[in-house]
Amino acid sequence: VYKSDKLISLVTGASSGIGAETAIQLSKLSSHVYIVGRNIKNLELVNDKIIANDSKCTIVPLDITENDALDNLAKAIIKKNNRIDVLVSCAGIIEQLSPVESISE
């Protein structure tokens, strides 16, 4: 596996969990990773790990549930880079879980 000096990646949900680890691993292959999430402090930690992999990183504090927010971000990235090569959507919210027995069909 080699690192592309031109690969542009966008990862949502990158402030924790699978999204964060995906962004870090992609940074080993990508020249620039855009990381999206709501928790700026966690995004900064991910940013540090990406920079340690000798990649560029842009932190994008964003709630993707806001109307048109992700669409506007994609347009801005494409305007700057002419493309997005890799898009990984890991954003999600898990609220308090209920026992299976309490869920109606």
Protein backbone atom coordinates (compact mmCIF):
# COMPACT_ATOMS: atom_id res chain seq x y z
CA VAL A 1 0.00 0.00 0.00
CA TYR A 2 1.35 3.38 -0.92
CA LYS A 3 0.45 6.90 0.07
CA SER A 4 -1.07 9.06 -2.63
CA ASP A 5 0.10 12.64 -2.61
CA LYS A 6 -3.19 13.64 -4.21
CA LEU A 7 -5.90 11.63 -2.44
CA ILE A 8 -8.59 13.79 -0.77
CA SER A 9 -10.68 12.13 1.95
CA LEU A 10 -13.73 13.27 3.92
CA VAL A 11 -14.82 11.44 7.07
CA THR A 12 -17.96 12.32 9.02
CA GLY A 13 -18.30 11.20 12.62
CA ALA A 14 -14.53 11.52 12.92
CA SER A 15 -14.46 12.78 16.50
CA SER A 16 -14.68 9.30 18.03
CA GLY A 17 -15.05 5.59 17.49
CA ILE A 18 -15.02 4.06 14.04
CA GLY A 19 -15.00 7.47 12.33
CA ALA A 20 -11.91 8.62 14.22
CA GLU A 21 -10.00 5.43 13.56
CA THR A 22 -11.06 5.43 9.90
CA ALA A 23 -9.75 8.98 9.50
CA ILE A 24 -6.46 8.06 11.16
CA GLN A 25 -6.01 5.00 8.96
CA LEU A 26 -6.96 6.95 5.82
CA SER A 27 -4.32 9.51 6.69
CA LYS A 28 -1.72 6.82 6.09
CA LEU A 29 -2.92 6.70 2.47
CA SER A 30 -4.27 10.21 1.84
CA SER A 31 -2.56 13.52 1.43
CA HIS A 32 -5.45 15.47 2.97
CA VAL A 33 -8.19 14.30 5.31
CA TYR A 34 -11.18 16.45 6.20
CA ILE A 35 -12.55 15.34 9.56
CA VAL A 36 -16.13 16.24 10.47
CA GLY A 37 -17.79 16.05 13.86
CA ARG A 38 -19.39 18.03 16.64
CA ASN A 39 -16.78 17.56 19.37
CA ILE A 40 -13.96 19.98 18.56
CA LYS A 41 -11.71 18.75 21.39
CA ASN A 42 -11.88 15.17 20.08
CA LEU A 43 -11.38 16.34 16.49
CA GLU A 44 -8.19 18.09 17.62
CA LEU A 45 -6.91 14.81 19.08
CA VAL A 46 -7.63 13.01 15.80
CA ASN A 47 -5.98 15.89 13.93
CA ASP A 48 -2.78 15.40 15.95
CA LYS A 49 -2.66 11.72 15.01
CA ILE A 50 -3.26 12.50 11.33
CA ILE A 51 -0.49 15.09 11.29
CA ALA A 52 1.80 12.50 12.91
CA ASN A 53 1.15 10.35 9.81
CA ASP A 54 2.56 13.18 7.68
CA SER A 55 -0.82 14.10 6.21
CA LYS A 56 -2.71 17.36 6.05
CA CYS A 57 -5.90 17.62 8.03
CA THR A 58 -8.76 20.07 8.14
CA ILE A 59 -11.02 20.05 11.18
CA VAL A 60 -14.64 20.76 10.32
CA PRO A 61 -16.84 21.22 13.40
CA LEU A 62 -20.25 20.49 11.96
CA ASP A 63 -23.58 18.96 12.92
CA ILE A 64 -24.57 17.08 9.79
CA THR A 65 -28.22 17.13 10.84
CA GLU A 66 -28.30 20.84 9.99
CA ASN A 67 -29.99 21.43 6.65
CA ASP A 68 -27.56 21.65 3.74
CA ALA A 69 -24.50 21.65 6.03
CA LEU A 70 -22.86 18.57 4.54
CA ASP A 71 -23.82 19.56 1.01
CA ASN A 72 -22.21 22.99 1.47
CA LEU A 73 -19.09 21.37 2.92
CA ALA A 74 -18.77 18.97 -0.02
CA LYS A 75 -19.16 21.85 -2.47
CA ALA A 76 -16.45 23.84 -0.66
CA ILE A 77 -14.03 20.90 -0.69
CA ILE A 78 -14.68 20.25 -4.37
CA LYS A 79 -14.23 23.94 -5.16
CA LYS A 80 -10.84 23.89 -3.43
CA ASN A 81 -9.60 20.47 -4.59
CA ASN A 82 -11.74 19.75 -7.66
CA ARG A 83 -12.83 16.44 -6.13
CA ILE A 84 -13.38 14.20 -3.13
CA ASP A 85 -11.74 10.80 -3.66
CA VAL A 86 -12.91 9.02 -0.52
CA LEU A 87 -16.09 9.69 1.45
CA VAL A 88 -16.76 7.79 4.67
CA SER A 89 -19.97 8.47 6.57
CA CYS A 90 -19.62 7.33 10.19
CA ALA A 91 -21.75 9.95 11.88
CA GLY A 92 -24.39 8.54 14.15
CA ILE A 93 -25.99 8.94 17.52
CA ILE A 94 -26.85 6.12 19.84
CA GLU A 95 -29.25 7.17 22.51
CA GLN A 96 -29.98 5.13 25.59
CA LEU A 97 -30.71 1.59 24.49
CA SER A 98 -33.81 -0.30 25.58
CA PRO A 99 -34.05 -4.02 26.30
CA VAL A 100 -35.22 -5.97 23.27
CA GLU A 101 -38.27 -7.17 25.20
CA SER A 102 -39.55 -3.58 25.52
CA ILE A 103 -39.46 -2.85 21.78
CA SER A 104 -42.75 -3.29 19.95
CA GLU A 105 -42.78 -4.85 16.51
